[in-house]
Amino acid sequence: MIIDPKWRVLTVGDGDLSFSHALQARLSTGQLTASTYDNEQTIRNKYQDHALDLISGTCSQYLSEFDVTSINSWQRLAQPRFDLVIFQFPLLPAFADQQAFAQQQYSINTLNRGLLRQFIDNAYRFALDPQGPMLCYITSKDVKPYCEWDLEGSLCVNSKMSYLGQHPFDITQFPGYKIRNVDRDKHVKDTSGITYVFSTKANPTLQEQLYIPRYLQDNHCSFCRAGPFHSEADAQAHKNSKKHRTMLTHQQHWQDFLATYHS
């Protein structure tokens, strides 16, 4: 992960705070504010091992019950003062039961994209200092269902933020970091983690360290990550495939969400 040791960083959704604690060691003169969706007691009850007591003595501020979809949570920051906001391996928690899921208007794919769209829009409005690089990092797994969210292709449609590129996530840079299961005391493998980089600004120095995947080029299907197609028949065969039809449905649902979404 590309980190300037002078940056002012906010972490969100850091389940057991082990990422924030490991990140603090990389900020020599920068400042870290850590936040969790859960309150302190829930963290202590949920995780046998956590960094709650460690982080309180090292970071500049810790905010519990911080919901990235809630404007009230973001307004607790008082003013936009960060260079970078990081969301590690985001995933909506499971629904309480089948009835709760059935009441949802959108698919799980759309709901997870919606969570991350609200994250980047709220970070832009309430957290990122206009005088700084104005960066958002989202680290996600490069496997299904996460890679079907099309973060690099469609997350920022009509947003102030833009996709700049991505780079592999190396968990060995963060000793002690455990990627947690969102609902229980279990950590999971980082499994081909990718950090996606978003900003309102061009950043040539940073972008030199990023890459743009080939599937975003012409003659590819970006949301299926397929191609290059060597003929019209090749492209048409892909369009007729089950995978493409499934992803086209995801894309249409996402467009339906954006049509009624207001940041």
C-alpha atoms as a PDB file:
ATOM      1  CA  MET A   1       0.000   0.000   0.000  1.00  0.00           C
ATOM      2  CA  ILE A   2       1.330   3.412  -0.990  1.00  0.00           C
ATOM      3  CA  ILE A   3       1.542   5.511   2.177  1.00  0.00           C
ATOM      4  CA  ASP A   4       3.278   8.850   2.609  1.00  0.00           C
ATOM      5  CA  PRO A   5       4.505   8.917   6.240  1.00  0.00           C
ATOM      6  CA  LYS A   6       3.430  12.569   6.486  1.00  0.00           C
ATOM      7  CA  TRP A   7      -0.198  11.960   5.507  1.00  0.00           C
ATOM      8  CA  ARG A   8      -3.187  12.514   7.787  1.00  0.00           C
ATOM      9  CA  VAL A   9      -5.124   9.269   7.504  1.00  0.00           C
ATOM     10  CA  LEU A  10      -8.620   8.153   8.504  1.00  0.00           C
ATOM     11  CA  THR A  11      -9.475   4.447   8.594  1.00  0.00           C
ATOM     12  CA  VAL A  12     -13.114   3.325   8.509  1.00  0.00           C
ATOM     13  CA  GLY A  13     -14.732  -0.027   9.204  1.00  0.00           C
ATOM     14  CA  ASP A  14     -11.591  -1.476  10.810  1.00  0.00           C
ATOM     15  CA  GLY A  15     -13.254  -4.367  12.637  1.00  0.00           C
ATOM     16  CA  ASP A  16     -10.704  -5.210  15.352  1.00  0.00           C
ATOM     17  CA  LEU A  17      -8.459  -2.154  14.769  1.00  0.00           C
ATOM     18  CA  SER A  18      -5.460  -4.344  13.915  1.00  0.00           C
ATOM     19  CA  PHE A  19      -5.028  -2.613  10.536  1.00  0.00           C
ATOM     20  CA  SER A  20      -5.047   0.852  12.112  1.00  0.00           C
ATOM     21  CA  HIS A  21      -2.540  -0.240  14.747  1.00  0.00           C
ATOM     22  CA  ALA A  22      -0.202  -1.644  12.080  1.00  0.00           C
ATOM     23  CA  LEU A  23      -0.657   1.433   9.878  1.00  0.00           C
ATOM     24  CA  GLN A  24       0.304   3.773  12.734  1.00  0.00           C
ATOM     25  CA  ALA A  25       3.856   2.407  12.609  1.00  0.00           C
ATOM     26  CA  ARG A  26       4.182   3.656   9.005  1.00  0.00           C
ATOM     27  CA  LEU A  27       3.216   7.240   9.818  1.00  0.00           C
ATOM     28  CA  SER A  28       6.295   8.981  11.165  1.00  0.00           C
ATOM     29  CA  THR A  29       5.057  12.553  11.202  1.00  0.00           C
ATOM     30  CA  GLY A  30       1.525  11.963   9.926  1.00  0.00           C
ATOM     31  CA  GLN A  31      -1.594  11.512  12.007  1.00  0.00           C
ATOM     32  CA  LEU A  32      -4.042   8.624  12.229  1.00  0.00           C
ATOM     33  CA  THR A  33      -7.711   8.670  13.150  1.00  0.00           C
ATOM     34  CA  ALA A  34      -9.228   5.197  13.432  1.00  0.00           C
ATOM     35  CA  SER A  35     -12.907   4.315  13.392  1.00  0.00           C
ATOM     36  CA  THR A  36     -15.065   1.223  13.755  1.00  0.00           C
ATOM     37  CA  TYR A  37     -18.692   0.494  12.929  1.00  0.00           C
ATOM     38  CA  ASP A  38     -19.086  -1.379  16.235  1.00  0.00           C
ATOM     39  CA  ASN A  39     -18.962   0.212  19.663  1.00  0.00           C
ATOM     40  CA  GLU A  40     -16.150  -0.629  22.062  1.00  0.00           C
ATOM     41  CA  GLN A  41     -18.065  -3.230  24.050  1.00  0.00           C
ATOM     42  CA  THR A  42     -19.139  -5.070  20.907  1.00  0.00           C
ATOM     43  CA  ILE A  43     -15.512  -5.215  19.761  1.00  0.00           C
ATOM     44  CA  ARG A  44     -14.433  -6.680  23.101  1.00  0.00           C
ATOM     45  CA  ASN A  45     -17.264  -9.216  22.986  1.00  0.00           C
ATOM     46  CA  LYS A  46     -16.796 -10.157  19.337  1.00  0.00           C
ATOM     47  CA  TYR A  47     -13.009 -10.479  19.106  1.00  0.00           C
ATOM     48  CA  GLN A  48     -10.842 -12.412  21.523  1.00  0.00           C
ATOM     49  CA  ASP A  49      -7.818 -10.573  20.106  1.00  0.00           C
ATOM     50  CA  HIS A  50      -8.201  -6.908  19.183  1.00  0.00           C
ATOM     51  CA  ALA A  51      -6.135  -3.707  19.141  1.00  0.00           C
ATOM     52  CA  LEU A  52      -8.622  -1.519  20.968  1.00  0.00           C
ATOM     53  CA  ASP A  53      -6.385  -0.923  23.980  1.00  0.00           C
ATOM     54  CA  LEU A  54      -3.278  -0.568  21.808  1.00  0.00           C
ATOM     55  CA  ILE A  55      -4.759   1.962  19.399  1.00  0.00           C
ATOM     56  CA  SER A  56      -6.010   4.285  22.113  1.00  0.00           C
ATOM     57  CA  GLY A  57      -2.468   5.133  23.095  1.00  0.00           C
ATOM     58  CA  THR A  58      -1.047   5.641  19.593  1.00  0.00           C
ATOM     59  CA  CYS A  59      -3.528   7.215  17.184  1.00  0.00           C
ATOM     60  CA  SER A  60      -4.670  10.819  17.254  1.00  0.00           C
ATOM     61  CA  GLN A  61      -8.344   9.909  17.690  1.00  0.00           C
ATOM     62  CA  TYR A  62     -10.588   6.858  17.806  1.00  0.00           C
ATOM     63  CA  LEU A  63     -14.264   6.986  16.824  1.00  0.00           C
ATOM     64  CA  SER A  64     -16.620   4.098  17.580  1.00  0.00           C
ATOM     65  CA  GLU A  65     -20.029   3.541  15.980  1.00  0.00           C
ATOM     66  CA  PHE A  66     -18.865   5.278  12.800  1.00  0.00           C
ATOM     67  CA  ASP A  67     -21.203   4.406   9.914  1.00  0.00           C
ATOM     68  CA  VAL A  68     -19.869   5.418   6.492  1.00  0.00           C
ATOM     69  CA  THR A  69     -23.439   5.741   5.177  1.00  0.00           C
ATOM     70  CA  SER A  70     -24.446   8.199   7.932  1.00  0.00           C
ATOM     71  CA  ILE A  71     -23.854  11.922   7.481  1.00  0.00           C
ATOM     72  CA  ASN A  72     -24.080  12.298  11.263  1.00  0.00           C
ATOM     73  CA  SER A  73     -21.046  10.035  11.656  1.00  0.00           C
ATOM     74  CA  TRP A  74     -18.976  12.022   9.167  1.00  0.00           C
ATOM     75  CA  GLN A  75     -19.947  15.311  10.780  1.00  0.00           C
ATOM     76  CA  ARG A  76     -18.251  14.123  13.966  1.00  0.00           C
ATOM     77  CA  LEU A  77     -14.954  14.865  12.173  1.00  0.00           C
ATOM     78  CA  ALA A  78     -15.686  18.613  12.550  1.00  0.00           C
ATOM     79  CA  GLN A  79     -13.775  19.638   9.413  1.00  0.00           C
ATOM     80  CA  PRO A  80     -12.191  18.146   6.263  1.00  0.00           C
ATOM     81  CA  ARG A  81      -8.619  17.556   7.399  1.00  0.00           C
ATOM     82  CA  PHE A  82      -7.416  14.252   5.931  1.00  0.00           C
ATOM     83  CA  ASP A  83      -5.169  13.391   3.003  1.00  0.00           C
ATOM     84  CA  LEU A  84      -6.324   9.770   2.755  1.00  0.00           C
ATOM     85  CA  VAL A  85      -9.330   7.715   3.877  1.00  0.00           C
ATOM     86  CA  ILE A  86      -8.993   3.903   3.830  1.00  0.00           C
ATOM     87  CA  PHE A  87     -11.683   1.208   3.803  1.00  0.00           C
ATOM     88  CA  GLN A  88     -10.209  -2.300   4.074  1.00  0.00           C
ATOM     89  CA  PHE A  89     -12.058  -5.324   2.672  1.00  0.00           C
ATOM     90  CA  PRO A  90     -15.559  -3.830   2.999  1.00  0.00           C
ATOM     91  CA  LEU A  91     -18.565  -6.132   3.022  1.00  0.00           C
ATOM     92  CA  LEU A  92     -22.099  -5.667   4.232  1.00  0.00           C
ATOM     93  CA  PRO A  93     -22.990  -7.849   7.237  1.00  0.00           C
ATOM     94  CA  ALA A  94     -25.411 -10.708   6.655  1.00  0.00           C
ATOM     95  CA  PHE A  95     -29.113 -10.005   6.937  1.00  0.00           C
ATOM     96  CA  ALA A  96     -30.747 -11.136  10.158  1.00  0.00           C
ATOM     97  CA  ASP A  97     -33.123 -13.460   8.310  1.00  0.00           C
ATOM     98  CA  GLN A  98     -34.684 -14.203   4.932  1.00  0.00           C
ATOM     99  CA  GLN A  99     -37.523 -11.763   5.570  1.00  0.00           C
ATOM    100  CA  ALA A 100     -35.089  -8.883   6.116  1.00  0.00           C
ATOM    101  CA  PHE A 101     -33.363  -9.751   2.838  1.00  0.00           C
ATOM    102  CA  ALA A 102     -36.670 -10.019   0.963  1.00  0.00           C
ATOM    103  CA  GLN A 103     -37.588  -6.484   2.003  1.00  0.00           C
ATOM    104  CA  GLN A 104     -34.574  -5.064   0.197  1.00  0.00           C
ATOM    105  CA  GLN A 105     -35.175  -3.346  -3.129  1.00  0.00           C
ATOM    106  CA  TYR A 106     -31.683  -4.085  -4.443  1.00  0.00           C
ATOM    107  CA  SER A 107     -29.434  -7.120  -4.850  1.00  0.00           C
ATOM    108  CA  ILE A 108     -26.464  -7.842  -2.581  1.00  0.00           C
ATOM    109  CA  ASN A 109     -24.170  -6.782  -5.434  1.00  0.00           C
ATOM    110  CA  THR A 110     -25.884  -3.393  -5.698  1.00  0.00           C
ATOM    111  CA  LEU A 111     -26.039  -2.896  -1.926  1.00  0.00           C
ATOM    112  CA  ASN A 112     -22.286  -3.440  -1.563  1.00  0.00           C
ATOM    113  CA  ARG A 113     -21.564  -1.038  -4.406  1.00  0.00           C
ATOM    114  CA  GLY A 114     -23.946   1.445  -2.797  1.00  0.00           C
ATOM    115  CA  LEU A 115     -22.075   1.167   0.497  1.00  0.00           C
ATOM    116  CA  LEU A 116     -18.805   2.039  -1.238  1.00  0.00           C
ATOM    117  CA  ARG A 117     -20.315   4.835  -3.319  1.00  0.00           C
ATOM    118  CA  GLN A 118     -21.608   6.463  -0.148  1.00  0.00           C
ATOM    119  CA  PHE A 119     -18.157   5.977   1.380  1.00  0.00           C
ATOM    120  CA  ILE A 120     -16.273   7.846  -1.344  1.00  0.00           C
ATOM    121  CA  ASP A 121     -18.892  10.592  -1.669  1.00  0.00           C
ATOM    122  CA  ASN A 122     -19.038  11.223   2.080  1.00  0.00           C
ATOM    123  CA  ALA A 123     -15.257  11.116   2.362  1.00  0.00           C
ATOM    124  CA  TYR A 124     -15.091  13.805  -0.329  1.00  0.00           C
ATOM    125  CA  ARG A 125     -17.716  15.976   1.366  1.00  0.00           C
ATOM    126  CA  PHE A 126     -16.693  15.665   4.985  1.00  0.00           C
ATOM    127  CA  ALA A 127     -13.190  14.226   5.425  1.00  0.00           C
ATOM    128  CA  LEU A 128     -10.752  15.084   2.627  1.00  0.00           C
ATOM    129  CA  ASP A 129      -8.816  18.342   2.831  1.00  0.00           C
ATOM    130  CA  PRO A 130      -9.098  20.211  -0.513  1.00  0.00           C
ATOM    131  CA  GLN A 131      -5.498  21.360  -0.049  1.00  0.00           C
ATOM    132  CA  GLY A 132      -4.226  17.756   0.112  1.00  0.00           C
ATOM    133  CA  PRO A 133      -4.141  14.850  -2.379  1.00  0.00           C
ATOM    134  CA  MET A 134      -7.784  13.931  -1.563  1.00  0.00           C
ATOM    135  CA  LEU A 135      -7.354  10.151  -1.758  1.00  0.00           C
ATOM    136  CA  CYS A 136      -9.641   7.233  -1.000  1.00  0.00           C
ATOM    137  CA  TYR A 137      -8.297   3.658  -0.889  1.00  0.00           C
ATOM    138  CA  ILE A 138     -10.603   0.641  -1.043  1.00  0.00           C
ATOM    139  CA  THR A 139      -8.904  -2.722  -0.623  1.00  0.00           C
ATOM    140  CA  SER A 140     -10.956  -5.672  -1.815  1.00  0.00           C
ATOM    141  CA  LYS A 141     -10.471  -9.287  -2.837  1.00  0.00           C
ATOM    142  CA  ASP A 142      -9.888 -10.056  -6.505  1.00  0.00           C
ATOM    143  CA  VAL A 143     -12.290 -13.019  -6.462  1.00  0.00           C
ATOM    144  CA  LYS A 144     -16.073 -13.478  -6.700  1.00  0.00           C
ATOM    145  CA  PRO A 145     -18.287 -11.889  -5.542  1.00  0.00           C
ATOM    146  CA  TYR A 146     -16.043  -8.885  -4.809  1.00  0.00           C
ATOM    147  CA  CYS A 147     -14.602  -8.572  -8.322  1.00  0.00           C
ATOM    148  CA  GLU A 148     -18.175  -8.389  -9.661  1.00  0.00           C
ATOM    149  CA  TRP A 149     -18.684  -4.993  -8.001  1.00  0.00           C
ATOM    150  CA  ASP A 150     -16.827  -3.294 -10.911  1.00  0.00           C
ATOM    151  CA  LEU A 151     -15.181  -0.778  -8.582  1.00  0.00           C
ATOM    152  CA  GLU A 152     -12.746   0.418 -11.225  1.00  0.00           C
ATOM    153  CA  GLY A 153     -15.319   0.781 -13.975  1.00  0.00           C
ATOM    154  CA  SER A 154     -18.570   2.094 -12.569  1.00  0.00           C
ATOM    155  CA  LEU A 155     -18.292   3.058  -8.895  1.00  0.00           C
ATOM    156  CA  CYS A 156     -17.580   6.727  -9.634  1.00  0.00           C
ATOM    157  CA  VAL A 157     -20.174   7.407 -12.338  1.00  0.00           C
ATOM    158  CA  ASN A 158     -21.266  11.045 -11.853  1.00  0.00           C
ATOM    159  CA  SER A 159     -19.161  11.341  -8.678  1.00  0.00           C
ATOM    160  CA  LYS A 160     -16.617  14.029  -7.814  1.00  0.00           C
ATOM    161  CA  MET A 161     -14.116  11.233  -7.258  1.00  0.00           C
ATOM    162  CA  SER A 162     -12.362   9.381 -10.093  1.00  0.00           C
ATOM    163  CA  TYR A 163     -10.558   6.046 -10.340  1.00  0.00           C
ATOM    164  CA  LEU A 164      -6.777   6.600 -10.675  1.00  0.00           C
ATOM    165  CA  GLY A 165      -5.558   2.996 -10.774  1.00  0.00           C
ATOM    166  CA  GLN A 166      -4.798   0.108  -8.471  1.00  0.00           C
ATOM    167  CA  HIS A 167      -2.007  -1.956  -6.952  1.00  0.00           C
ATOM    168  CA  PRO A 168      -1.679  -5.321  -5.183  1.00  0.00           C
ATOM    169  CA  PHE A 169      -2.220  -5.301  -1.429  1.00  0.00           C
ATOM    170  CA  ASP A 170       0.696  -6.804   0.507  1.00  0.00           C
ATOM    171  CA  ILE A 171      -0.436  -7.766   3.996  1.00  0.00           C
ATOM    172  CA  THR A 172       3.172  -8.336   5.097  1.00  0.00           C
ATOM    173  CA  GLN A 173       3.565  -4.537   5.179  1.00  0.00           C
ATOM    174  CA  PHE A 174       1.231  -4.538   8.181  1.00  0.00           C
ATOM    175  CA  PRO A 175       2.488  -6.937  10.870  1.00  0.00           C
ATOM    176  CA  GLY A 176      -0.283  -8.074  13.186  1.00  0.00           C
ATOM    177  CA  TYR A 177      -3.099  -7.169  10.786  1.00  0.00           C
ATOM    178  CA  LYS A 178      -5.894  -9.750  10.703  1.00  0.00           C
ATOM    179  CA  ILE A 179      -8.568  -9.512   8.021  1.00  0.00           C
ATOM    180  CA  ARG A 180     -11.716 -10.210   9.973  1.00  0.00           C
ATOM    181  CA  ASN A 181     -14.939 -11.948   9.106  1.00  0.00           C
ATOM    182  CA  VAL A 182     -17.528  -9.173   9.265  1.00  0.00           C
ATOM    183  CA  ASP A 183     -19.862 -11.034  11.649  1.00  0.00           C
ATOM    184  CA  ARG A 184     -17.715 -13.113  13.991  1.00  0.00           C
ATOM    185  CA  ASP A 185     -14.328 -13.733  15.621  1.00  0.00           C
ATOM    186  CA  LYS A 186     -12.565 -15.270  12.663  1.00  0.00           C
ATOM    187  CA  HIS A 187      -9.897 -13.890  10.384  1.00  0.00           C
ATOM    188  CA  VAL A 188      -9.740 -14.747   6.703  1.00  0.00           C
ATOM    189  CA  LYS A 189      -7.046 -14.836   4.032  1.00  0.00           C
ATOM    190  CA  ASP A 190      -6.248 -11.670   2.110  1.00  0.00           C
ATOM    191  CA  THR A 191      -6.617 -13.720  -1.136  1.00  0.00           C
ATOM    192  CA  SER A 192      -5.311 -11.567  -3.982  1.00  0.00           C
ATOM    193  CA  GLY A 193      -6.110  -8.268  -2.328  1.00  0.00           C
ATOM    194  CA  ILE A 194      -6.220  -5.212  -4.593  1.00  0.00           C
ATOM    195  CA  THR A 195      -6.164  -1.597  -3.410  1.00  0.00           C
ATOM    196  CA  TYR A 196      -8.251   0.653  -5.665  1.00  0.00           C
ATOM    197  CA  VAL A 197      -7.264   4.330  -5.614  1.00  0.00           C
ATOM    198  CA  PHE A 198      -9.702   7.210  -6.065  1.00  0.00           C
ATOM    199  CA  SER A 199      -9.261  10.977  -5.976  1.00  0.00           C
ATOM    200  CA  THR A 200     -10.636  14.265  -7.264  1.00  0.00           C
ATOM    201  CA  LYS A 201      -7.155  15.198  -8.433  1.00  0.00           C
ATOM    202  CA  ALA A 202      -4.503  13.886 -10.782  1.00  0.00           C
ATOM    203  CA  ASN A 203      -1.452  12.710  -8.879  1.00  0.00           C
ATOM    204  CA  PRO A 204       1.318  11.838 -11.375  1.00  0.00           C
ATOM    205  CA  THR A 205       3.820  10.674  -8.743  1.00  0.00           C
ATOM    206  CA  LEU A 206       1.295   8.325  -7.192  1.00  0.00           C
ATOM    207  CA  GLN A 207      -0.131   7.173 -10.517  1.00  0.00           C
ATOM    208  CA  GLU A 208       3.332   6.094 -11.686  1.00  0.00           C
ATOM    209  CA  GLN A 209       3.140   3.439  -8.960  1.00  0.00           C
ATOM    210  CA  LEU A 210      -0.326   2.237  -9.983  1.00  0.00           C
ATOM    211  CA  TYR A 211      -1.512   0.184 -12.921  1.00  0.00           C
ATOM    212  CA  ILE A 212      -4.645   0.209 -15.051  1.00  0.00           C
ATOM    213  CA  PRO A 213      -5.823  -3.341 -15.861  1.00  0.00           C
ATOM    214  CA  ARG A 214      -5.955  -4.354 -19.516  1.00  0.00           C
ATOM    215  CA  TYR A 215      -9.658  -5.160 -19.360  1.00  0.00           C
ATOM    216  CA  LEU A 216     -10.423  -1.429 -19.128  1.00  0.00           C
ATOM    217  CA  GLN A 217      -8.997  -0.910 -22.636  1.00  0.00           C
ATOM    218  CA  ASP A 218     -10.989  -0.856 -25.860  1.00  0.00           C
ATOM    219  CA  ASN A 219     -12.084  -4.184 -27.333  1.00  0.00           C
ATOM    220  CA  HIS A 220     -12.694  -5.616 -23.869  1.00  0.00           C
ATOM    221  CA  CYS A 221     -15.731  -6.114 -21.653  1.00  0.00           C
ATOM    222  CA  SER A 222     -14.690  -4.200 -18.568  1.00  0.00           C
ATOM    223  CA  PHE A 223     -17.277  -5.449 -16.111  1.00  0.00           C
ATOM    224  CA  CYS A 224     -16.718  -9.096 -17.133  1.00  0.00           C
ATOM    225  CA  ARG A 225     -12.952  -8.526 -17.272  1.00  0.00           C
ATOM    226  CA  ALA A 226     -12.922 -10.301 -20.642  1.00  0.00           C
ATOM    227  CA  GLY A 227     -11.007  -9.750 -23.872  1.00  0.00           C
ATOM    228  CA  PRO A 228      -9.392  -8.683 -26.042  1.00  0.00           C
ATOM    229  CA  PHE A 229     -11.892  -9.842 -28.638  1.00  0.00           C
ATOM    230  CA  HIS A 230     -10.251 -10.770 -31.924  1.00  0.00           C
ATOM    231  CA  SER A 231     -13.350 -10.568 -34.079  1.00  0.00           C
ATOM    232  CA  GLU A 232     -16.956  -9.415 -34.004  1.00  0.00           C
ATOM    233  CA  ALA A 233     -17.998 -13.054 -33.670  1.00  0.00           C
ATOM    234  CA  ASP A 234     -15.706 -13.412 -30.658  1.00  0.00           C
ATOM    235  CA  ALA A 235     -17.263 -10.342 -29.025  1.00  0.00           C
ATOM    236  CA  GLN A 236     -20.797 -11.520 -29.822  1.00  0.00           C
ATOM    237  CA  ALA A 237     -20.116 -14.956 -28.352  1.00  0.00           C
ATOM    238  CA  HIS A 238     -19.074 -13.264 -25.131  1.00  0.00           C
ATOM    239  CA  LYS A 239     -22.213 -11.108 -25.106  1.00  0.00           C
ATOM    240  CA  ASN A 240     -24.303 -14.274 -25.418  1.00  0.00           C
ATOM    241  CA  SER A 241     -22.534 -15.971 -22.511  1.00  0.00           C
ATOM    242  CA  LYS A 242     -24.164 -16.603 -19.139  1.00  0.00           C
ATOM    243  CA  LYS A 243     -21.425 -14.639 -17.365  1.00  0.00           C
ATOM    244  CA  HIS A 244     -22.040 -11.541 -19.474  1.00  0.00           C
ATOM    245  CA  ARG A 245     -25.801 -11.731 -19.029  1.00  0.00           C
ATOM    246  CA  THR A 246     -25.333 -11.983 -15.262  1.00  0.00           C
ATOM    247  CA  MET A 247     -22.961  -9.025 -15.170  1.00  0.00           C
ATOM    248  CA  LEU A 248     -25.243  -7.020 -17.462  1.00  0.00           C
ATOM    249  CA  THR A 249     -28.022  -7.542 -14.917  1.00  0.00           C
ATOM    250  CA  HIS A 250     -25.712  -6.316 -12.134  1.00  0.00           C
ATOM    251  CA  GLN A 251     -24.854  -3.259 -14.223  1.00  0.00           C
ATOM    252  CA  GLN A 252     -28.499  -2.459 -14.915  1.00  0.00           C
ATOM    253  CA  HIS A 253     -29.355  -2.750 -11.232  1.00  0.00           C
ATOM    254  CA  TRP A 254     -26.468  -0.401 -10.456  1.00  0.00           C
ATOM    255  CA  GLN A 255     -27.724   2.144 -12.982  1.00  0.00           C
ATOM    256  CA  ASP A 256     -31.184   1.893 -11.401  1.00  0.00           C
ATOM    257  CA  PHE A 257     -29.630   2.609  -8.002  1.00  0.00           C
ATOM    258  CA  LEU A 258     -27.710   5.625  -9.296  1.00  0.00           C
ATOM    259  CA  ALA A 259     -30.847   7.016 -10.934  1.00  0.00           C
ATOM    260  CA  THR A 260     -32.405   7.525  -7.482  1.00  0.00           C
ATOM    261  CA  TYR A 261     -29.215   8.082  -5.468  1.00  0.00           C
ATOM    262  CA  HIS A 262     -28.380  11.527  -4.090  1.00  0.00           C
ATOM    263  CA  SER A 263     -25.007  12.066  -2.421  1.00  0.00           C
END
